[in-house]
N, C-alpha and C. Protein backbone atom coordinates (compact mmCIF):
# COMPACT_ATOMS: atom_id res chain seq x y z
N UNK A 1 0.85 -1.17 0.00
CA UNK A 1 0.00 0.00 0.00
C UNK A 1 0.89 1.23 0.00
N UNK A 2 0.37 2.30 -0.54
CA UNK A 2 1.14 3.54 -0.62
C UNK A 2 0.60 4.53 0.41
N UNK A 3 1.53 5.09 1.19
CA UNK A 3 1.21 6.12 2.18
C UNK A 3 2.15 7.30 1.93
N UNK A 4 1.82 8.43 2.53
CA UNK A 4 2.70 9.59 2.47
C UNK A 4 3.34 9.76 3.84
N UNK A 5 4.65 9.86 3.87
CA UNK A 5 5.38 10.15 5.11
C UNK A 5 6.06 11.48 4.90
N UNK A 6 5.65 12.48 5.65
CA UNK A 6 6.14 13.85 5.47
C UNK A 6 6.05 14.28 4.02
N UNK A 7 4.90 13.99 3.40
CA UNK A 7 4.55 14.41 2.04
C UNK A 7 5.32 13.66 0.95
N UNK A 8 6.04 12.59 1.31
CA UNK A 8 6.76 11.78 0.33
C UNK A 8 6.11 10.40 0.24
N UNK A 9 5.84 9.89 -0.95
CA UNK A 9 5.21 8.58 -1.07
C UNK A 9 6.17 7.45 -0.66
N UNK A 10 5.62 6.48 0.05
CA UNK A 10 6.36 5.29 0.47
C UNK A 10 5.43 4.10 0.32
N UNK A 11 5.98 2.97 -0.14
CA UNK A 11 5.22 1.74 -0.24
C UNK A 11 5.49 0.89 0.99
N UNK A 12 4.42 0.47 1.65
CA UNK A 12 4.51 -0.40 2.82
C UNK A 12 3.67 -1.64 2.56
N UNK A 13 4.01 -2.75 3.22
CA UNK A 13 3.20 -3.96 3.02
C UNK A 13 1.82 -3.81 3.66
N UNK A 14 0.86 -4.54 3.15
CA UNK A 14 -0.47 -4.57 3.76
C UNK A 14 -0.33 -4.97 5.22
N UNK A 15 -1.11 -4.36 6.08
CA UNK A 15 -1.04 -4.66 7.51
C UNK A 15 0.03 -3.90 8.25
N UNK A 16 0.70 -2.96 7.58
CA UNK A 16 1.76 -2.18 8.22
C UNK A 16 1.17 -1.28 9.31
N UNK A 17 2.01 -0.98 10.29
CA UNK A 17 1.61 -0.11 11.39
C UNK A 17 2.44 1.17 11.36
N UNK A 18 2.08 2.08 12.23
CA UNK A 18 2.86 3.31 12.35
C UNK A 18 4.30 3.00 12.74
N UNK A 19 4.52 1.99 13.55
CA UNK A 19 5.88 1.59 13.92
C UNK A 19 6.69 1.22 12.67
N UNK A 20 6.06 0.53 11.72
CA UNK A 20 6.74 0.18 10.46
C UNK A 20 7.09 1.43 9.67
N UNK A 21 6.19 2.39 9.61
CA UNK A 21 6.45 3.63 8.88
C UNK A 21 7.59 4.41 9.50
N UNK A 22 7.63 4.46 10.83
CA UNK A 22 8.71 5.16 11.52
C UNK A 22 10.05 4.50 11.19
N UNK A 23 10.06 3.17 11.14
CA UNK A 23 11.29 2.45 10.81
C UNK A 23 11.73 2.73 9.37
N UNK A 24 10.79 2.74 8.43
CA UNK A 24 11.10 3.03 7.03
C UNK A 24 11.68 4.45 6.90
N UNK A 25 11.09 5.38 7.64
CA UNK A 25 11.53 6.77 7.59
C UNK A 25 12.87 6.98 8.29
N UNK A 26 13.29 6.01 9.10
CA UNK A 26 14.54 6.07 9.86
C UNK A 26 14.56 7.27 10.80
N UNK A 27 13.45 7.49 11.48
CA UNK A 27 13.36 8.59 12.43
C UNK A 27 14.28 8.29 13.62
N UNK A 28 14.98 9.31 14.06
CA UNK A 28 15.85 9.16 15.22
C UNK A 28 15.75 10.41 16.07
N UNK A 29 16.23 10.30 17.29
CA UNK A 29 16.13 11.44 18.20
C UNK A 29 14.69 11.63 18.63
N UNK A 30 14.44 12.69 19.35
CA UNK A 30 13.05 12.92 19.78
C UNK A 30 12.17 13.33 18.60
N UNK A 31 10.97 12.76 18.54
CA UNK A 31 10.02 13.11 17.49
C UNK A 31 8.62 12.73 17.96
N UNK A 32 7.65 13.28 17.30
CA UNK A 32 6.25 12.92 17.50
C UNK A 32 5.71 12.46 16.16
N UNK A 33 4.63 11.68 16.20
CA UNK A 33 4.04 11.20 14.95
C UNK A 33 2.53 11.39 14.97
N UNK A 34 2.01 11.66 13.78
CA UNK A 34 0.57 11.81 13.61
C UNK A 34 0.15 11.06 12.35
N UNK A 35 -1.04 10.52 12.37
CA UNK A 35 -1.62 9.87 11.20
C UNK A 35 -2.90 10.63 10.86
N UNK A 36 -2.94 11.14 9.65
CA UNK A 36 -4.09 11.93 9.18
C UNK A 36 -4.42 13.04 10.18
N UNK A 37 -3.37 13.74 10.62
CA UNK A 37 -3.45 14.89 11.52
C UNK A 37 -3.86 14.55 12.95
N UNK A 38 -3.87 13.27 13.31
CA UNK A 38 -4.20 12.85 14.68
C UNK A 38 -2.93 12.34 15.36
N UNK A 39 -2.51 13.02 16.44
CA UNK A 39 -1.34 12.62 17.20
C UNK A 39 -1.53 11.20 17.72
N UNK A 40 -0.44 10.41 17.65
CA UNK A 40 -0.47 9.04 18.16
C UNK A 40 0.61 8.91 19.23
N UNK A 41 0.24 8.54 20.46
CA UNK A 41 1.25 8.34 21.51
C UNK A 41 2.22 7.23 21.11
N UNK A 42 3.47 7.39 21.46
CA UNK A 42 4.53 6.44 21.08
C UNK A 42 4.15 5.01 21.47
N UNK A 43 3.52 4.82 22.61
CA UNK A 43 3.16 3.47 23.07
C UNK A 43 2.16 2.79 22.15
N UNK A 44 1.51 3.55 21.26
CA UNK A 44 0.50 2.98 20.37
C UNK A 44 0.98 2.80 18.93
N UNK A 45 2.23 3.11 18.64
CA UNK A 45 2.73 2.99 17.27
C UNK A 45 2.53 1.58 16.71
N UNK A 46 2.84 0.57 17.49
CA UNK A 46 2.74 -0.81 17.02
C UNK A 46 1.31 -1.29 16.82
N UNK A 47 0.34 -0.64 17.46
CA UNK A 47 -1.06 -1.03 17.35
C UNK A 47 -1.84 -0.14 16.38
N UNK A 48 -1.18 0.87 15.81
CA UNK A 48 -1.87 1.81 14.92
C UNK A 48 -1.72 1.33 13.47
N UNK A 49 -2.78 0.67 12.98
CA UNK A 49 -2.76 0.13 11.63
C UNK A 49 -2.87 1.27 10.62
N UNK A 50 -2.18 1.10 9.51
CA UNK A 50 -2.21 2.09 8.43
C UNK A 50 -3.06 1.56 7.29
N UNK A 51 -3.58 2.49 6.49
CA UNK A 51 -4.39 2.14 5.33
C UNK A 51 -3.87 2.90 4.11
N UNK A 52 -4.22 2.41 2.95
CA UNK A 52 -3.85 3.06 1.68
C UNK A 52 -4.18 4.54 1.74
N UNK A 53 -3.20 5.38 1.39
CA UNK A 53 -3.42 6.81 1.31
C UNK A 53 -3.26 7.57 2.62
N UNK A 54 -2.98 6.88 3.71
CA UNK A 54 -2.79 7.59 4.98
C UNK A 54 -1.65 8.60 4.86
N UNK A 55 -1.79 9.69 5.58
CA UNK A 55 -0.76 10.73 5.62
C UNK A 55 -0.13 10.73 7.01
N UNK A 56 1.15 10.45 7.04
CA UNK A 56 1.89 10.34 8.29
C UNK A 56 2.85 11.53 8.38
N UNK A 57 2.84 12.16 9.53
CA UNK A 57 3.77 13.25 9.79
C UNK A 57 4.69 12.82 10.93
N UNK A 58 5.98 12.92 10.72
CA UNK A 58 6.97 12.65 11.75
C UNK A 58 7.67 13.99 12.00
N UNK A 59 7.48 14.50 13.21
CA UNK A 59 7.86 15.87 13.51
C UNK A 59 8.89 15.89 14.62
N UNK A 60 10.00 16.59 14.37
CA UNK A 60 11.03 16.79 15.39
C UNK A 60 10.78 18.12 16.10
N UNK A 61 11.08 18.18 17.39
CA UNK A 61 10.87 19.44 18.09
C UNK A 61 11.82 20.52 17.57
N UNK A 62 11.36 21.75 17.66
CA UNK A 62 12.16 22.89 17.22
C UNK A 62 12.42 23.77 18.44
N UNK A 63 13.67 24.20 18.59
CA UNK A 63 13.98 25.08 19.70
C UNK A 63 14.20 26.49 19.21
N UNK A 64 14.15 27.40 20.10
CA UNK A 64 14.37 28.79 19.72
C UNK A 64 13.27 29.66 20.30
N UNK A 65 13.28 30.87 19.91
CA UNK A 65 12.25 31.73 20.47
C UNK A 65 12.11 32.99 19.78
């Protein structure tokens, strides 16, 4: 299935979860993730099933002021 991760298309196998998408994206350091604009707590990444066309945002914190 095809999903968008930070606006870039990625192919994932059927039954993939948010944890799989994070691994494909190779996210490191502190970050938050959302699926279709809904924040997902880190503890739920493995249970959050993805579907064709889902939009995933992986966001790193920004410092400054």
